[in-house]
């Protein structure tokens, strides 16, 4: 049971999160490219999709009171901006300090020719313990995500090329990526990047300052 003060704080948080959705910049499922996204209603989570599982990629120090689940696409320019401009600050200030748990999930936009392959390749990198480093490399090279590029990045990163190439060519990671995508659809994800901050949906690119404000509100609501 939440106390009255906790409910009041949460009541103050929701308008801030919802207001942040307006004018969001993201890549949409329908458009397949850059668009101003309508936030739309959250679809709830009857199947526990927002529960963190053993196959999720999660960064956390200790047991943070705030969890962010990010649905993203390696070819979406707004995802690229968030990954390269915003997330380094968020990771330093909130994730590495034990305030926030960060979870990465795939949402390859149909129509983005290389998004699915890039997502699968990142899972192959995860098999060798370098998911976060490899995904950063992909976001820094969004214009070069051909199969040859994906394999070259693995080689440059010092991964076992033979194992990585076999993983990519085998297509065994497609099911994992599809599971992320289908789960996102089920809870109302329609574009990237989309975030769930302790279950509250936030859509589109945000600057480090704007996202920090959302996290501070979520931490206050959670008593952190």
Protein backbone atom coordinates (compact mmCIF):
# COMPACT_ATOMS: atom_id res chain seq x y z
CA UNK A 1 0.00 0.00 0.00
CA UNK A 2 1.20 3.49 -0.87
CA UNK A 3 0.96 6.26 1.66
CA UNK A 4 -1.01 9.39 0.92
CA UNK A 5 2.17 11.38 0.46
CA UNK A 6 3.53 8.80 -2.02
CA UNK A 7 0.31 9.02 -4.06
CA UNK A 8 0.45 12.77 -4.12
CA UNK A 9 4.02 12.73 -5.37
CA UNK A 10 3.10 10.20 -8.06
CA UNK A 11 0.19 12.43 -9.03
CA UNK A 12 2.64 15.23 -9.56
CA UNK A 13 4.90 12.97 -11.64
CA UNK A 14 2.34 11.76 -14.17
CA UNK A 15 1.54 15.15 -15.74
CA UNK A 16 5.29 15.84 -16.10
CA UNK A 17 5.85 12.54 -17.87
CA UNK A 18 2.81 12.92 -20.11
CA UNK A 19 3.69 16.49 -20.91
CA UNK A 20 7.13 15.38 -22.02
CA UNK A 21 5.54 13.27 -24.74
CA UNK A 22 4.18 16.19 -26.70
CA UNK A 23 6.24 17.13 -29.71
CA UNK A 24 8.44 14.07 -29.26
CA UNK A 25 10.87 13.21 -32.05
CA UNK A 26 10.93 9.55 -32.99
CA UNK A 27 10.84 6.98 -35.78
CA UNK A 28 7.41 5.44 -36.19
CA UNK A 29 6.25 1.97 -37.16
CA UNK A 30 3.81 3.42 -39.67
CA UNK A 31 6.07 6.01 -41.25
CA UNK A 32 9.29 4.03 -41.08
CA UNK A 33 11.17 7.29 -40.79
CA UNK A 34 11.45 10.52 -38.84
CA UNK A 35 8.18 11.88 -37.56
CA UNK A 36 6.65 13.86 -34.75
CA UNK A 37 5.06 11.09 -32.67
CA UNK A 38 1.73 11.27 -30.96
CA UNK A 39 2.23 9.77 -27.52
CA UNK A 40 -0.96 7.72 -27.49
CA UNK A 41 -2.21 5.83 -24.47
CA UNK A 42 -0.16 3.19 -22.74
CA UNK A 43 -1.71 -0.23 -23.28
CA UNK A 44 -1.03 -1.55 -19.79
CA UNK A 45 1.06 -4.61 -19.01
CA UNK A 46 -1.24 -7.57 -18.42
CA UNK A 47 1.41 -10.09 -19.44
CA UNK A 48 4.23 -8.71 -17.33
CA UNK A 49 6.26 -7.52 -20.31
CA UNK A 50 7.79 -4.73 -18.24
CA UNK A 51 9.14 -7.29 -15.78
CA UNK A 52 12.89 -7.63 -16.23
CA UNK A 53 13.89 -11.12 -17.34
CA UNK A 54 17.17 -13.06 -17.55
CA UNK A 55 17.49 -12.36 -21.28
CA UNK A 56 17.23 -8.58 -20.84
CA UNK A 57 20.29 -6.37 -21.18
CA UNK A 58 20.35 -4.38 -17.94
CA UNK A 59 22.80 -1.97 -16.37
CA UNK A 60 22.49 -1.38 -12.64
CA UNK A 61 24.51 -0.80 -9.52
CA UNK A 62 22.84 -2.29 -6.46
CA UNK A 63 19.04 -2.28 -6.45
CA UNK A 64 17.81 1.04 -7.87
CA UNK A 65 14.28 2.24 -7.14
CA UNK A 66 13.80 3.47 -10.70
CA UNK A 67 13.94 1.28 -13.78
CA UNK A 68 14.01 2.59 -17.34
CA UNK A 69 13.21 0.24 -20.22
CA UNK A 70 14.27 1.62 -23.58
CA UNK A 71 12.87 0.37 -26.89
CA UNK A 72 15.17 1.43 -29.69
CA UNK A 73 16.22 0.95 -33.31
CA UNK A 74 19.79 1.03 -34.57
CA UNK A 75 18.89 2.99 -37.73
CA UNK A 76 16.55 5.53 -36.13
CA UNK A 77 18.35 8.90 -36.12
CA UNK A 78 16.59 10.00 -32.94
CA UNK A 79 17.73 6.81 -31.21
CA UNK A 80 21.23 7.55 -32.42
CA UNK A 81 21.09 11.05 -31.00
CA UNK A 82 19.86 9.75 -27.66
CA UNK A 83 22.55 7.07 -27.55
CA UNK A 84 25.40 9.42 -28.40
CA UNK A 85 24.25 12.74 -26.91
CA UNK A 86 22.01 11.93 -23.95
CA UNK A 87 22.72 8.47 -22.60
CA UNK A 88 26.40 8.98 -21.67
CA UNK A 89 25.36 11.69 -19.21
CA UNK A 90 22.43 9.67 -17.90
CA UNK A 91 24.62 6.63 -17.41
CA UNK A 92 27.25 8.63 -15.53
CA UNK A 93 24.84 10.55 -13.32
CA UNK A 94 22.10 8.00 -12.66
CA UNK A 95 23.05 4.46 -13.69
CA UNK A 96 26.63 4.32 -12.46
CA UNK A 97 25.60 5.99 -9.19
CA UNK A 98 22.99 3.32 -8.39
CA UNK A 99 19.94 5.53 -8.84
CA UNK A 100 18.54 3.99 -12.03
CA UNK A 101 18.49 0.57 -13.68
CA UNK A 102 18.67 0.81 -17.49
CA UNK A 103 17.25 -1.92 -19.71
CA UNK A 104 17.76 -2.08 -23.48
CA UNK A 105 15.23 -3.75 -25.79
CA UNK A 106 15.07 -4.01 -29.56
CA UNK A 107 12.37 -2.43 -31.69
CA UNK A 108 13.56 -2.55 -35.32
CA UNK A 109 11.31 -0.34 -37.41
CA UNK A 110 9.90 -2.06 -40.51
CA UNK A 111 11.32 -0.25 -43.51
CA UNK A 112 14.72 0.32 -41.91
CA UNK A 113 16.70 -2.07 -44.09
CA UNK A 114 19.50 -2.89 -41.66
CA UNK A 115 17.83 -2.54 -38.26
CA UNK A 116 16.90 -6.18 -37.80
CA UNK A 117 20.34 -7.44 -38.83
CA UNK A 118 22.04 -4.89 -36.56
CA UNK A 119 19.88 -5.96 -33.62
CA UNK A 120 20.71 -9.61 -34.24
CA UNK A 121 24.40 -8.78 -34.52
CA UNK A 122 24.32 -7.01 -31.17
CA UNK A 123 22.94 -10.19 -29.64
CA UNK A 124 25.82 -12.13 -31.18
CA UNK A 125 28.17 -9.63 -29.53
CA UNK A 126 26.32 -10.22 -26.26
CA UNK A 127 27.27 -13.88 -26.49
CA UNK A 128 30.87 -12.72 -26.18
CA UNK A 129 30.14 -10.33 -23.32
CA UNK A 130 30.34 -7.07 -25.28
CA UNK A 131 26.73 -6.09 -25.88
CA UNK A 132 26.95 -2.53 -24.52
CA UNK A 133 30.24 -1.73 -26.25
CA UNK A 134 29.03 -3.13 -29.57
CA UNK A 135 25.67 -1.36 -29.49
CA UNK A 136 27.49 1.94 -28.85
CA UNK A 137 29.64 1.25 -31.90
CA UNK A 138 26.55 0.69 -34.04
CA UNK A 139 24.91 3.91 -32.90
CA UNK A 140 28.07 5.81 -33.76
CA UNK A 141 28.05 4.30 -37.25
CA UNK A 142 24.38 4.36 -38.23
CA UNK A 143 25.13 5.05 -41.89
CA UNK A 144 27.21 1.88 -42.21
CA UNK A 145 25.27 -1.14 -40.98
CA UNK A 146 25.59 -3.64 -43.82
CA UNK A 147 26.34 -7.26 -42.98
CA UNK A 148 29.97 -6.65 -43.90
CA UNK A 149 30.08 -3.60 -41.62
CA UNK A 150 28.56 -5.51 -38.71
CA UNK A 151 31.19 -8.21 -39.02
CA UNK A 152 33.99 -5.67 -39.41
CA UNK A 153 32.98 -3.92 -36.17
CA UNK A 154 33.15 -7.24 -34.36
CA UNK A 155 36.63 -7.88 -35.69
CA UNK A 156 37.74 -4.35 -34.78
CA UNK A 157 36.38 -4.90 -31.26
CA UNK A 158 38.53 -7.96 -30.78
CA UNK A 159 35.68 -10.47 -30.84
CA UNK A 160 36.13 -14.01 -32.09
CA UNK A 161 35.28 -13.33 -35.73
CA UNK A 162 34.59 -16.92 -36.70
CA UNK A 163 32.12 -17.39 -33.87
CA UNK A 164 30.52 -14.00 -34.43
CA UNK A 165 30.15 -14.47 -38.18
CA UNK A 166 28.61 -17.90 -37.69
CA UNK A 167 26.15 -16.44 -35.20
CA UNK A 168 25.14 -13.65 -37.57
CA UNK A 169 24.86 -15.91 -40.60
CA UNK A 170 22.89 -18.53 -38.67
CA UNK A 171 20.02 -16.16 -37.86
CA UNK A 172 19.54 -17.68 -34.43
CA UNK A 173 19.04 -14.31 -32.74
CA UNK A 174 16.00 -13.33 -34.81
CA UNK A 175 13.60 -14.84 -32.28
CA UNK A 176 15.05 -12.78 -29.41
CA UNK A 177 14.72 -9.56 -31.40
CA UNK A 178 11.18 -10.46 -32.46
CA UNK A 179 10.23 -11.18 -28.85
CA UNK A 180 11.36 -7.69 -27.85
CA UNK A 181 9.48 -6.14 -30.77
CA UNK A 182 6.26 -8.07 -30.15
CA UNK A 183 6.39 -7.25 -26.47
CA UNK A 184 6.80 -3.59 -27.28
CA UNK A 185 3.80 -3.64 -29.60
CA UNK A 186 1.74 -5.31 -26.87
CA UNK A 187 2.38 -2.48 -24.40
CA UNK A 188 1.82 0.36 -26.86
CA UNK A 189 5.21 1.05 -28.40
CA UNK A 190 4.69 2.54 -31.85
CA UNK A 191 7.96 4.35 -32.45
CA UNK A 192 11.52 4.74 -31.26
CA UNK A 193 12.95 5.67 -28.94
CA UNK A 194 10.23 4.82 -26.41
CA UNK A 195 11.01 4.60 -22.70
CA UNK A 196 9.12 3.25 -19.71
CA UNK A 197 10.17 4.99 -16.51
CA UNK A 198 8.85 2.82 -13.70
CA UNK A 199 6.08 1.86 -16.10
CA UNK A 200 5.24 5.35 -17.38
CA UNK A 201 5.65 5.72 -21.14
CA UNK A 202 7.80 8.51 -22.57
CA UNK A 203 8.20 8.83 -26.33
CA UNK A 204 10.95 10.35 -28.43
CA UNK A 205 14.36 11.96 -28.18
CA UNK A 206 15.11 13.92 -25.03
CA UNK A 207 18.16 15.96 -24.14
CA UNK A 208 20.18 14.98 -21.09
CA UNK A 209 18.67 17.89 -19.19
CA UNK A 210 15.10 16.94 -20.09
CA UNK A 211 15.58 13.26 -19.32
CA UNK A 212 17.32 14.06 -16.05
CA UNK A 213 14.27 16.04 -15.03
CA UNK A 214 12.04 13.03 -15.69
CA UNK A 215 14.32 10.76 -13.71
CA UNK A 216 14.48 13.18 -10.79
CA UNK A 217 10.67 13.22 -10.69
CA UNK A 218 10.54 9.43 -10.82
CA UNK A 219 13.12 9.15 -8.04
CA UNK A 220 11.13 11.56 -5.88
CA UNK A 221 7.96 9.55 -6.47
CA UNK A 222 9.78 6.34 -5.56
CA UNK A 223 11.23 7.84 -2.41
CA UNK A 224 14.75 7.69 -3.81
